[in-house]
Amino acid sequence: KDKAGLVKMVAFVSVEDYSILGLGETKEDALRNYRDALSSKGNSIKI
């Protein structure tokens, strides 16, 4: 949220590793970026 309390972005953060996260202006964008972040970890995280 911004200072006015309005939702500006959505964040998905892995419980296992909080450095793996996806942000986006919509839930769909955030999920896509989160999926990419998980995929970029290769075999260390299996989707």
All heavy atoms as atom14 arrays in JSON, in Angstrom:
{
  "sequence": "KDKAGLVKMVAFVSVEDYSILGLGETKEDALRNYRDALSSKGNSIKI",
  "atom14_mask": [
    [1, 1, 1, 1, 1, 1, 1, 1, 1, 0, 0, 0, 0, 0],
    [1, 1, 1, 1, 1, 1, 1, 1, 0, 0, 0, 0, 0, 0],
    [1, 1, 1, 1, 1, 1, 1, 1, 1, 0, 0, 0, 0, 0],
    [1, 1, 1, 1, 1, 0, 0, 0, 0, 0, 0, 0, 0, 0],
    [1, 1, 1, 1, 0, 0, 0, 0, 0, 0, 0, 0, 0, 0],
    [1, 1, 1, 1, 1, 1, 1, 1, 0, 0, 0, 0, 0, 0],
    [1, 1, 1, 1, 1, 1, 1, 0, 0, 0, 0, 0, 0, 0],
    [1, 1, 1, 1, 1, 1, 1, 1, 1, 0, 0, 0, 0, 0],
    [1, 1, 1, 1, 1, 1, 1, 1, 0, 0, 0, 0, 0, 0],
    [1, 1, 1, 1, 1, 1, 1, 0, 0, 0, 0, 0, 0, 0],
    [1, 1, 1, 1, 1, 0, 0, 0, 0, 0, 0, 0, 0, 0],
    [1, 1, 1, 1, 1, 1, 1, 1, 1, 1, 1, 0, 0, 0],
    [1, 1, 1, 1, 1, 1, 1, 0, 0, 0, 0, 0, 0, 0],
    [1, 1, 1, 1, 1, 1, 0, 0, 0, 0, 0, 0, 0, 0],
    [1, 1, 1, 1, 1, 1, 1, 0, 0, 0, 0, 0, 0, 0],
    [1, 1, 1, 1, 1, 1, 1, 1, 1, 0, 0, 0, 0, 0],
    [1, 1, 1, 1, 1, 1, 1, 1, 0, 0, 0, 0, 0, 0],
    [1, 1, 1, 1, 1, 1, 1, 1, 1, 1, 1, 1, 0, 0],
    [1, 1, 1, 1, 1, 1, 0, 0, 0, 0, 0, 0, 0, 0],
    [1, 1, 1, 1, 1, 1, 1, 1, 0, 0, 0, 0, 0, 0],
    [1, 1, 1, 1, 1, 1, 1, 1, 0, 0, 0, 0, 0, 0],
    [1, 1, 1, 1, 0, 0, 0, 0, 0, 0, 0, 0, 0, 0],
    [1, 1, 1, 1, 1, 1, 1, 1, 0, 0, 0, 0, 0, 0],
    [1, 1, 1, 1, 0, 0, 0, 0, 0, 0, 0, 0, 0, 0],
    [1, 1, 1, 1, 1, 1, 1, 1, 1, 0, 0, 0, 0, 0],
    [1, 1, 1, 1, 1, 1, 1, 0, 0, 0, 0, 0, 0, 0],
    [1, 1, 1, 1, 1, 1, 1, 1, 1, 0, 0, 0, 0, 0],
    [1, 1, 1, 1, 1, 1, 1, 1, 1, 0, 0, 0, 0, 0],
    [1, 1, 1, 1, 1, 1, 1, 1, 0, 0, 0, 0, 0, 0],
    [1, 1, 1, 1, 1, 0, 0, 0, 0, 0, 0, 0, 0, 0],
    [1, 1, 1, 1, 1, 1, 1, 1, 0, 0, 0, 0, 0, 0],
    [1, 1, 1, 1, 1, 1, 1, 1, 1, 1, 1, 0, 0, 0],
    [1, 1, 1, 1, 1, 1, 1, 1, 0, 0, 0, 0, 0, 0],
    [1, 1, 1, 1, 1, 1, 1, 1, 1, 1, 1, 1, 0, 0],
    [1, 1, 1, 1, 1, 1, 1, 1, 1, 1, 1, 0, 0, 0],
    [1, 1, 1, 1, 1, 1, 1, 1, 0, 0, 0, 0, 0, 0],
    [1, 1, 1, 1, 1, 0, 0, 0, 0, 0, 0, 0, 0, 0],
    [1, 1, 1, 1, 1, 1, 1, 1, 0, 0, 0, 0, 0, 0],
    [1, 1, 1, 1, 1, 1, 0, 0, 0, 0, 0, 0, 0, 0],
    [1, 1, 1, 1, 1, 1, 0, 0, 0, 0, 0, 0, 0, 0],
    [1, 1, 1, 1, 1, 1, 1, 1, 1, 0, 0, 0, 0, 0],
    [1, 1, 1, 1, 0, 0, 0, 0, 0, 0, 0, 0, 0, 0],
    [1, 1, 1, 1, 1, 1, 1, 1, 0, 0, 0, 0, 0, 0],
    [1, 1, 1, 1, 1, 1, 0, 0, 0, 0, 0, 0, 0, 0],
    [1, 1, 1, 1, 1, 1, 1, 1, 0, 0, 0, 0, 0, 0],
    [1, 1, 1, 1, 1, 1, 1, 1, 1, 0, 0, 0, 0, 0],
    [1, 1, 1, 1, 1, 1, 1, 1, 0, 0, 0, 0, 0, 0]
  ],
  "atom14_positions": [
    [[0.83, -1.21, 0.0], [0.0, 0.0, 0.0], [0.86, 1.25, 0.0], [1.98, 1.26, 0.52], [-0.9, 0.03, 1.24], [-1.92, -1.09, 1.32], [-2.75, -0.9, 2.58], [-3.8, -1.96, 2.74], [-4.58, -1.75, 3.97], [0.0, 0.0, 0.0], [0.0, 0.0, 0.0], [0.0, 0.0, 0.0], [0.0, 0.0, 0.0], [0.0, 0.0, 0.0]],
    [[0.27, 2.32, -0.56], [0.95, 3.62, -0.46], [0.52, 4.29, 0.84], [-0.2, 3.71, 1.66], [0.62, 4.49, -1.68], [-0.87, 4.79, -1.81], [-1.64, 4.53, -0.85], [-1.29, 5.28, -2.87], [0.0, 0.0, 0.0], [0.0, 0.0, 0.0], [0.0, 0.0, 0.0], [0.0, 0.0, 0.0], [0.0, 0.0, 0.0], [0.0, 0.0, 0.0]],
    [[0.97, 5.53, 1.04], [0.69, 6.22, 2.3], [-0.8, 6.51, 2.49], [-1.26, 6.7, 3.62], [1.49, 7.52, 2.35], [3.0, 7.31, 2.47], [3.75, 8.61, 2.57], [5.25, 8.37, 2.7], [6.03, 9.64, 2.79], [0.0, 0.0, 0.0], [0.0, 0.0, 0.0], [0.0, 0.0, 0.0], [0.0, 0.0, 0.0], [0.0, 0.0, 0.0]],
    [[-1.55, 6.54, 1.38], [-2.99, 6.78, 1.47], [-3.76, 5.51, 1.79], [-4.99, 5.55, 1.94], [-3.49, 7.39, 0.16], [0.0, 0.0, 0.0], [0.0, 0.0, 0.0], [0.0, 0.0, 0.0], [0.0, 0.0, 0.0], [0.0, 0.0, 0.0], [0.0, 0.0, 0.0], [0.0, 0.0, 0.0], [0.0, 0.0, 0.0], [0.0, 0.0, 0.0]],
    [[-3.05, 4.39, 1.87], [-3.71, 3.13, 2.19], [-4.29, 2.42, 0.99], [-5.06, 1.47, 1.14], [0.0, 0.0, 0.0], [0.0, 0.0, 0.0], [0.0, 0.0, 0.0], [0.0, 0.0, 0.0], [0.0, 0.0, 0.0], [0.0, 0.0, 0.0], [0.0, 0.0, 0.0], [0.0, 0.0, 0.0], [0.0, 0.0, 0.0], [0.0, 0.0, 0.0]],
    [[-3.92, 2.86, -0.22], [-4.44, 2.23, -1.44], [-3.49, 1.13, -1.9], [-2.27, 1.28, -1.84], [-4.59, 3.28, -2.55], [-5.53, 4.45, -2.24], [-5.52, 5.44, -3.39], [-6.95, 3.95, -1.99], [0.0, 0.0, 0.0], [0.0, 0.0, 0.0], [0.0, 0.0, 0.0], [0.0, 0.0, 0.0], [0.0, 0.0, 0.0], [0.0, 0.0, 0.0]],
    [[-4.06, 0.03, -2.35], [-3.25, -1.1, -2.82], [-2.63, -0.75, -4.17], [-3.33, -0.44, -5.13], [-4.11, -2.37, -2.95], [-3.29, -3.5, -3.57], [-4.63, -2.81, -1.58], [0.0, 0.0, 0.0], [0.0, 0.0, 0.0], [0.0, 0.0, 0.0], [0.0, 0.0, 0.0], [0.0, 0.0, 0.0], [0.0, 0.0, 0.0], [0.0, 0.0, 0.0]],
    [[-1.32, -0.79, -4.24], [-0.59, -0.46, -5.47], [0.01, -1.68, -6.14], [0.16, -1.72, -7.35], [0.51, 0.55, -5.16], [0.0, 1.93, -4.73], [-0.84, 2.57, -5.83], [-1.29, 3.96, -5.45], [-2.11, 4.57, -6.52], [0.0, 0.0, 0.0], [0.0, 0.0, 0.0], [0.0, 0.0, 0.0], [0.0, 0.0, 0.0], [0.0, 0.0, 0.0]],
    [[0.4, -2.67, -5.32], [1.02, -3.86, -5.88], [0.63, -5.08, -5.05], [0.11, -4.96, -3.93], [2.55, -3.73, -5.91], [3.08, -2.57, -6.74], [4.89, -2.62, -6.93], [5.05, -3.88, -8.2], [0.0, 0.0, 0.0], [0.0, 0.0, 0.0], [0.0, 0.0, 0.0], [0.0, 0.0, 0.0], [0.0, 0.0, 0.0], [0.0, 0.0, 0.0]],
    [[0.91, -6.25, -5.63], [0.68, -7.52, -4.95], [2.01, -8.27, -4.93], [2.78, -8.21, -5.89], [-0.39, -8.36, -5.69], [-0.64, -9.66, -4.94], [-1.68, -7.56, -5.83], [0.0, 0.0, 0.0], [0.0, 0.0, 0.0], [0.0, 0.0, 0.0], [0.0, 0.0, 0.0], [0.0, 0.0, 0.0], [0.0, 0.0, 0.0], [0.0, 0.0, 0.0]],
    [[2.26, -8.96, -3.82], [3.53, -9.69, -3.68], [3.27, -11.13, -3.29], [2.44, -11.42, -2.41], [4.43, -9.02, -2.65], [0.0, 0.0, 0.0], [0.0, 0.0, 0.0], [0.0, 0.0, 0.0], [0.0, 0.0, 0.0], [0.0, 0.0, 0.0], [0.0, 0.0, 0.0], [0.0, 0.0, 0.0], [0.0, 0.0, 0.0], [0.0, 0.0, 0.0]],
    [[3.97, -12.06, -3.95], [4.0, -13.47, -3.6], [5.42, -13.76, -3.11], [6.38, -13.54, -3.83], [3.7, -14.36, -4.8], [2.27, -14.31, -5.28], [1.73, -13.15, -5.79], [1.49, -15.45, -5.25], [0.42, -13.11, -6.24], [0.18, -15.43, -5.71], [-0.36, -14.25, -6.2], [0.0, 0.0, 0.0], [0.0, 0.0, 0.0], [0.0, 0.0, 0.0]],
    [[5.55, -14.28, -1.9], [6.87, -14.55, -1.33], [6.91, -16.0, -0.84], [6.04, -16.44, -0.08], [7.19, -13.6, -0.15], [8.58, -13.87, 0.39], [7.05, -12.15, -0.58], [0.0, 0.0, 0.0], [0.0, 0.0, 0.0], [0.0, 0.0, 0.0], [0.0, 0.0, 0.0], [0.0, 0.0, 0.0], [0.0, 0.0, 0.0], [0.0, 0.0, 0.0]],
    [[7.93, -16.72, -1.26], [8.07, -18.12, -0.84], [8.36, -18.2, 0.65], [9.21, -17.47, 1.18], [9.22, -18.77, -1.62], [9.52, -20.04, -1.08], [0.0, 0.0, 0.0], [0.0, 0.0, 0.0], [0.0, 0.0, 0.0], [0.0, 0.0, 0.0], [0.0, 0.0, 0.0], [0.0, 0.0, 0.0], [0.0, 0.0, 0.0], [0.0, 0.0, 0.0]],
    [[7.63, -19.08, 1.34], [7.88, -19.3, 2.76], [9.25, -19.96, 2.95], [9.98, -19.64, 3.89], [6.77, -20.18, 3.38], [7.12, -20.56, 4.82], [5.44, -19.44, 3.33], [0.0, 0.0, 0.0], [0.0, 0.0, 0.0], [0.0, 0.0, 0.0], [0.0, 0.0, 0.0], [0.0, 0.0, 0.0], [0.0, 0.0, 0.0], [0.0, 0.0, 0.0]],
    [[9.61, -20.86, 2.04], [10.87, -21.59, 2.16], [12.09, -20.68, 1.98], [13.11, -20.86, 2.63], [10.92, -22.7, 1.11], [9.84, -23.75, 1.3], [9.78, -24.73, 0.15], [10.19, -24.35, -0.97], [9.34, -25.87, 0.35], [0.0, 0.0, 0.0], [0.0, 0.0, 0.0], [0.0, 0.0, 0.0], [0.0, 0.0, 0.0], [0.0, 0.0, 0.0]],
    [[11.97, -19.69, 1.08], [13.1, -18.8, 0.79], [12.55, -17.43, 0.41], [12.04, -17.25, -0.69], [13.94, -19.38, -0.36], [15.15, -18.52, -0.69], [15.32, -17.45, -0.08], [15.93, -18.92, -1.58], [0.0, 0.0, 0.0], [0.0, 0.0, 0.0], [0.0, 0.0, 0.0], [0.0, 0.0, 0.0], [0.0, 0.0, 0.0], [0.0, 0.0, 0.0]],
    [[12.63, -16.47, 1.34], [11.98, -15.18, 1.09], [12.67, -14.33, 0.03], [12.2, -13.26, -0.32], [11.82, -14.37, 2.39], [13.1, -13.99, 3.1], [13.85, -12.9, 2.7], [13.54, -14.69, 4.22], [15.01, -12.52, 3.37], [14.69, -14.34, 4.89], [15.42, -13.25, 4.46], [16.55, -12.89, 5.13], [0.0, 0.0, 0.0], [0.0, 0.0, 0.0]],
    [[13.8, -14.83, -0.51], [14.42, -14.12, -1.63], [13.71, -14.46, -2.95], [13.93, -13.79, -3.96], [15.9, -14.47, -1.74], [16.09, -15.84, -2.1], [0.0, 0.0, 0.0], [0.0, 0.0, 0.0], [0.0, 0.0, 0.0], [0.0, 0.0, 0.0], [0.0, 0.0, 0.0], [0.0, 0.0, 0.0], [0.0, 0.0, 0.0], [0.0, 0.0, 0.0]],
    [[12.88, -15.49, -2.92], [12.09, -15.86, -4.1], [10.75, -15.18, -3.98], [9.93, -15.53, -3.13], [11.9, -17.39, -4.19], [13.25, -18.1, -4.25], [11.06, -17.74, -5.4], [13.15, -19.61, -4.21], [0.0, 0.0, 0.0], [0.0, 0.0, 0.0], [0.0, 0.0, 0.0], [0.0, 0.0, 0.0], [0.0, 0.0, 0.0], [0.0, 0.0, 0.0]],
    [[10.51, -14.2, -4.82], [9.26, -13.46, -4.75], [8.86, -12.95, -6.12], [9.68, -12.82, -7.03], [9.35, -12.31, -3.76], [10.16, -11.06, -4.13], [9.79, -9.91, -3.22], [11.66, -11.32, -4.01], [0.0, 0.0, 0.0], [0.0, 0.0, 0.0], [0.0, 0.0, 0.0], [0.0, 0.0, 0.0], [0.0, 0.0, 0.0], [0.0, 0.0, 0.0]],
    [[7.58, -12.68, -6.25], [7.04, -12.1, -7.47], [6.15, -10.93, -7.14], [5.28, -11.03, -6.27], [0.0, 0.0, 0.0], [0.0, 0.0, 0.0], [0.0, 0.0, 0.0], [0.0, 0.0, 0.0], [0.0, 0.0, 0.0], [0.0, 0.0, 0.0], [0.0, 0.0, 0.0], [0.0, 0.0, 0.0], [0.0, 0.0, 0.0], [0.0, 0.0, 0.0]],
    [[6.38, -9.8, -7.79], [5.58, -8.6, -7.58], [4.87, -8.22, -8.87], [5.36, -8.49, -9.96], [6.45, -7.43, -7.12], [6.75, -7.3, -5.62], [7.71, -8.39, -5.18], [7.31, -5.92, -5.29], [0.0, 0.0, 0.0], [0.0, 0.0, 0.0], [0.0, 0.0, 0.0], [0.0, 0.0, 0.0], [0.0, 0.0, 0.0], [0.0, 0.0, 0.0]],
    [[3.73, -7.58, -8.73], [3.0, -7.12, -9.9], [1.9, -6.17, -9.48], [1.5, -6.12, -8.32], [0.0, 0.0, 0.0], [0.0, 0.0, 0.0], [0.0, 0.0, 0.0], [0.0, 0.0, 0.0], [0.0, 0.0, 0.0], [0.0, 0.0, 0.0], [0.0, 0.0, 0.0], [0.0, 0.0, 0.0], [0.0, 0.0, 0.0], [0.0, 0.0, 0.0]],
    [[1.42, -5.4, -10.46], [0.33, -4.47, -10.17], [-1.0, -5.19, -10.01], [-1.95, -4.65, -9.46], [0.24, -3.41, -11.27], [1.46, -2.49, -11.32], [1.32, -1.39, -12.34], [0.28, -1.37, -13.05], [2.23, -0.55, -12.44], [0.0, 0.0, 0.0], [0.0, 0.0, 0.0], [0.0, 0.0, 0.0], [0.0, 0.0, 0.0], [0.0, 0.0, 0.0]],
    [[-1.08, -6.42, -10.52], [-2.27, -7.25, -10.35], [-1.85, -8.61, -9.8], [-0.66, -8.97, -9.82], [-3.01, -7.47, -11.69], [-2.17, -8.22, -12.57], [-3.37, -6.13, -12.33], [0.0, 0.0, 0.0], [0.0, 0.0, 0.0], [0.0, 0.0, 0.0], [0.0, 0.0, 0.0], [0.0, 0.0, 0.0], [0.0, 0.0, 0.0], [0.0, 0.0, 0.0]],
    [[-2.83, -9.36, -9.33], [-2.53, -10.7, -8.82], [-1.96, -11.59, -9.92], [-1.05, -12.39, -9.68], [-3.8, -11.32, -8.23], [-4.28, -10.68, -6.95], [-5.5, -11.36, -6.39], [-6.75, -11.04, -7.16], [-7.98, -11.55, -6.49], [0.0, 0.0, 0.0], [0.0, 0.0, 0.0], [0.0, 0.0, 0.0], [0.0, 0.0, 0.0], [0.0, 0.0, 0.0]],
    [[-2.5, -11.42, -11.12], [-2.04, -12.23, -12.24], [-0.58, -11.94, -12.6], [0.21, -12.87, -12.83], [-2.93, -12.0, -13.46], [-4.35, -12.52, -13.34], [-5.24, -11.64, -12.45], [-4.85, -10.49, -12.16], [-6.32, -12.11, -12.04], [0.0, 0.0, 0.0], [0.0, 0.0, 0.0], [0.0, 0.0, 0.0], [0.0, 0.0, 0.0], [0.0, 0.0, 0.0]],
    [[-0.23, -10.65, -12.6], [1.16, -10.28, -12.88], [2.11, -10.81, -11.81], [3.2, -11.32, -12.1], [1.3, -8.76, -12.97], [0.64, -8.19, -14.22], [0.39, -8.97, -15.16], [0.37, -6.97, -14.24], [0.0, 0.0, 0.0], [0.0, 0.0, 0.0], [0.0, 0.0, 0.0], [0.0, 0.0, 0.0], [0.0, 0.0, 0.0], [0.0, 0.0, 0.0]],
    [[1.68, -10.68, -10.57], [2.52, -11.13, -9.46], [2.72, -12.65, -9.51], [3.82, -13.15, -9.27], [1.89, -10.73, -8.12], [0.0, 0.0, 0.0], [0.0, 0.0, 0.0], [0.0, 0.0, 0.0], [0.0, 0.0, 0.0], [0.0, 0.0, 0.0], [0.0, 0.0, 0.0], [0.0, 0.0, 0.0], [0.0, 0.0, 0.0], [0.0, 0.0, 0.0]],
    [[1.65, -13.39, -9.84], [1.76, -14.84, -9.92], [2.69, -15.26, -11.06], [3.51, -16.16, -10.9], [0.37, -15.46, -10.13], [0.35, -16.98, -10.3], [0.93, -17.68, -9.06], [-1.07, -17.48, -10.58], [0.0, 0.0, 0.0], [0.0, 0.0, 0.0], [0.0, 0.0, 0.0], [0.0, 0.0, 0.0], [0.0, 0.0, 0.0], [0.0, 0.0, 0.0]],
    [[2.58, -14.58, -12.2], [3.46, -14.9, -13.33], [4.93, -14.66, -12.96], [5.8, -15.49, -13.24], [3.08, -14.06, -14.54], [3.91, -14.39, -15.79], [3.38, -13.71, -17.03], [3.4, -12.25, -16.91], [2.29, -11.5, -16.78], [1.11, -12.07, -16.77], [2.39, -10.19, -16.66], [0.0, 0.0, 0.0], [0.0, 0.0, 0.0], [0.0, 0.0, 0.0]],
    [[5.2, -13.54, -12.31], [6.58, -13.23, -11.91], [7.08, -14.2, -10.83], [8.26, -14.55, -10.78], [6.67, -11.79, -11.41], [6.43, -10.79, -12.53], [6.72, -11.06, -13.69], [5.91, -9.62, -12.18], [0.0, 0.0, 0.0], [0.0, 0.0, 0.0], [0.0, 0.0, 0.0], [0.0, 0.0, 0.0], [0.0, 0.0, 0.0], [0.0, 0.0, 0.0]],
    [[6.17, -14.62, -9.96], [6.53, -15.58, -8.91], [6.85, -16.94, -9.54], [7.82, -17.61, -9.14], [5.38, -15.71, -7.92], [5.62, -16.66, -6.78], [6.69, -16.49, -5.9], [4.77, -17.75, -6.56], [6.91, -17.36, -4.84], [4.97, -18.61, -5.51], [6.04, -18.42, -4.65], [6.24, -19.28, -3.6], [0.0, 0.0, 0.0], [0.0, 0.0, 0.0]],
    [[6.06, -17.32, -10.53], [6.32, -18.57, -11.23], [7.69, -18.54, -11.91], [8.45, -19.51, -11.87], [5.22, -18.83, -12.25], [5.24, -20.21, -12.88], [4.21, -20.3, -14.0], [2.89, -20.0, -13.52], [2.07, -20.91, -12.97], [2.48, -22.15, -12.86], [0.88, -20.57, -12.56], [0.0, 0.0, 0.0], [0.0, 0.0, 0.0], [0.0, 0.0, 0.0]],
    [[8.0, -17.4, -12.52], [9.31, -17.25, -13.17], [10.44, -17.33, -12.15], [11.49, -17.92, -12.41], [9.38, -15.91, -13.91], [8.48, -15.87, -15.14], [8.05, -16.95, -15.58], [8.18, -14.77, -15.63], [0.0, 0.0, 0.0], [0.0, 0.0, 0.0], [0.0, 0.0, 0.0], [0.0, 0.0, 0.0], [0.0, 0.0, 0.0], [0.0, 0.0, 0.0]],
    [[10.21, -16.72, -10.97], [11.24, -16.74, -9.93], [11.48, -18.16, -9.43], [12.63, -18.57, -9.2], [10.82, -15.84, -8.77], [0.0, 0.0, 0.0], [0.0, 0.0, 0.0], [0.0, 0.0, 0.0], [0.0, 0.0, 0.0], [0.0, 0.0, 0.0], [0.0, 0.0, 0.0], [0.0, 0.0, 0.0], [0.0, 0.0, 0.0], [0.0, 0.0, 0.0]],
    [[10.39, -18.95, -9.29], [10.55, -20.33, -8.88], [11.28, -21.14, -9.96], [12.18, -21.93, -9.66], [9.17, -20.95, -8.62], [8.44, -20.53, -7.33], [7.02, -21.06, -7.35], [9.17, -21.02, -6.1], [0.0, 0.0, 0.0], [0.0, 0.0, 0.0], [0.0, 0.0, 0.0], [0.0, 0.0, 0.0], [0.0, 0.0, 0.0], [0.0, 0.0, 0.0]],
    [[10.9, -20.91, -11.21], [11.51, -21.64, -12.31], [13.0, -21.33, -12.43], [13.81, -22.2, -12.78], [10.81, -21.31, -13.63], [9.45, -21.66, -13.57], [0.0, 0.0, 0.0], [0.0, 0.0, 0.0], [0.0, 0.0, 0.0], [0.0, 0.0, 0.0], [0.0, 0.0, 0.0], [0.0, 0.0, 0.0], [0.0, 0.0, 0.0], [0.0, 0.0, 0.0]],
    [[13.38, -20.1, -12.16], [14.78, -19.69, -12.32], [15.7, -20.38, -11.33], [16.92, -20.36, -11.5], [14.89, -18.17, -12.16], [14.61, -17.79, -10.82], [0.0, 0.0, 0.0], [0.0, 0.0, 0.0], [0.0, 0.0, 0.0], [0.0, 0.0, 0.0], [0.0, 0.0, 0.0], [0.0, 0.0, 0.0], [0.0, 0.0, 0.0], [0.0, 0.0, 0.0]],
    [[15.11, -21.02, -10.31], [15.93, -21.71, -9.31], [16.32, -23.11, -9.78], [17.02, -23.84, -9.07], [15.18, -21.8, -7.97], [15.06, -20.48, -7.25], [16.41, -19.97, -6.78], [16.3, -18.65, -6.05], [17.57, -18.19, -5.51], [0.0, 0.0, 0.0], [0.0, 0.0, 0.0], [0.0, 0.0, 0.0], [0.0, 0.0, 0.0], [0.0, 0.0, 0.0]],
    [[15.86, -23.49, -10.96], [16.24, -24.79, -11.51], [15.71, -25.93, -10.68], [14.57, -25.96, -10.28], [0.0, 0.0, 0.0], [0.0, 0.0, 0.0], [0.0, 0.0, 0.0], [0.0, 0.0, 0.0], [0.0, 0.0, 0.0], [0.0, 0.0, 0.0], [0.0, 0.0, 0.0], [0.0, 0.0, 0.0], [0.0, 0.0, 0.0], [0.0, 0.0, 0.0]],
    [[16.58, -26.91, -10.41], [16.16, -28.12, -9.71], [16.04, -27.94, -8.2], [15.58, -28.83, -7.51], [17.15, -29.27, -9.98], [17.14, -29.67, -11.45], [16.1, -29.63, -12.09], [18.3, -30.06, -11.97], [0.0, 0.0, 0.0], [0.0, 0.0, 0.0], [0.0, 0.0, 0.0], [0.0, 0.0, 0.0], [0.0, 0.0, 0.0], [0.0, 0.0, 0.0]],
    [[16.48, -26.77, -7.68], [16.42, -26.58, -6.24], [14.99, -26.45, -5.74], [14.69, -26.77, -4.6], [17.2, -25.32, -5.83], [16.64, -24.16, -6.45], [0.0, 0.0, 0.0], [0.0, 0.0, 0.0], [0.0, 0.0, 0.0], [0.0, 0.0, 0.0], [0.0, 0.0, 0.0], [0.0, 0.0, 0.0], [0.0, 0.0, 0.0], [0.0, 0.0, 0.0]],
    [[14.12, -25.99, -6.6], [12.7, -25.89, -6.25], [11.9, -26.47, -7.39], [11.94, -25.98, -8.52], [12.26, -24.44, -6.0], [12.98, -23.88, -4.78], [10.76, -24.35, -5.81], [12.6, -22.47, -4.44], [0.0, 0.0, 0.0], [0.0, 0.0, 0.0], [0.0, 0.0, 0.0], [0.0, 0.0, 0.0], [0.0, 0.0, 0.0], [0.0, 0.0, 0.0]],
    [[11.16, -27.53, -7.1], [10.35, -28.18, -8.12], [8.92, -27.7, -8.04], [8.28, -27.79, -6.99], [10.39, -29.7, -7.93], [9.57, -30.46, -8.97], [9.64, -31.96, -8.71], [8.79, -32.73, -9.71], [8.82, -34.17, -9.44], [0.0, 0.0, 0.0], [0.0, 0.0, 0.0], [0.0, 0.0, 0.0], [0.0, 0.0, 0.0], [0.0, 0.0, 0.0]],
    [[8.39, -27.16, -9.13], [7.0, -26.68, -9.14], [6.07, -27.87, -9.27], [6.09, -28.58, -10.25], [6.77, -25.69, -10.3], [7.7, -24.5, -10.15], [5.33, -25.25, -10.36], [7.58, -23.49, -11.25], [0.0, 0.0, 0.0], [0.0, 0.0, 0.0], [0.0, 0.0, 0.0], [0.0, 0.0, 0.0], [0.0, 0.0, 0.0], [0.0, 0.0, 0.0]]
  ]
}
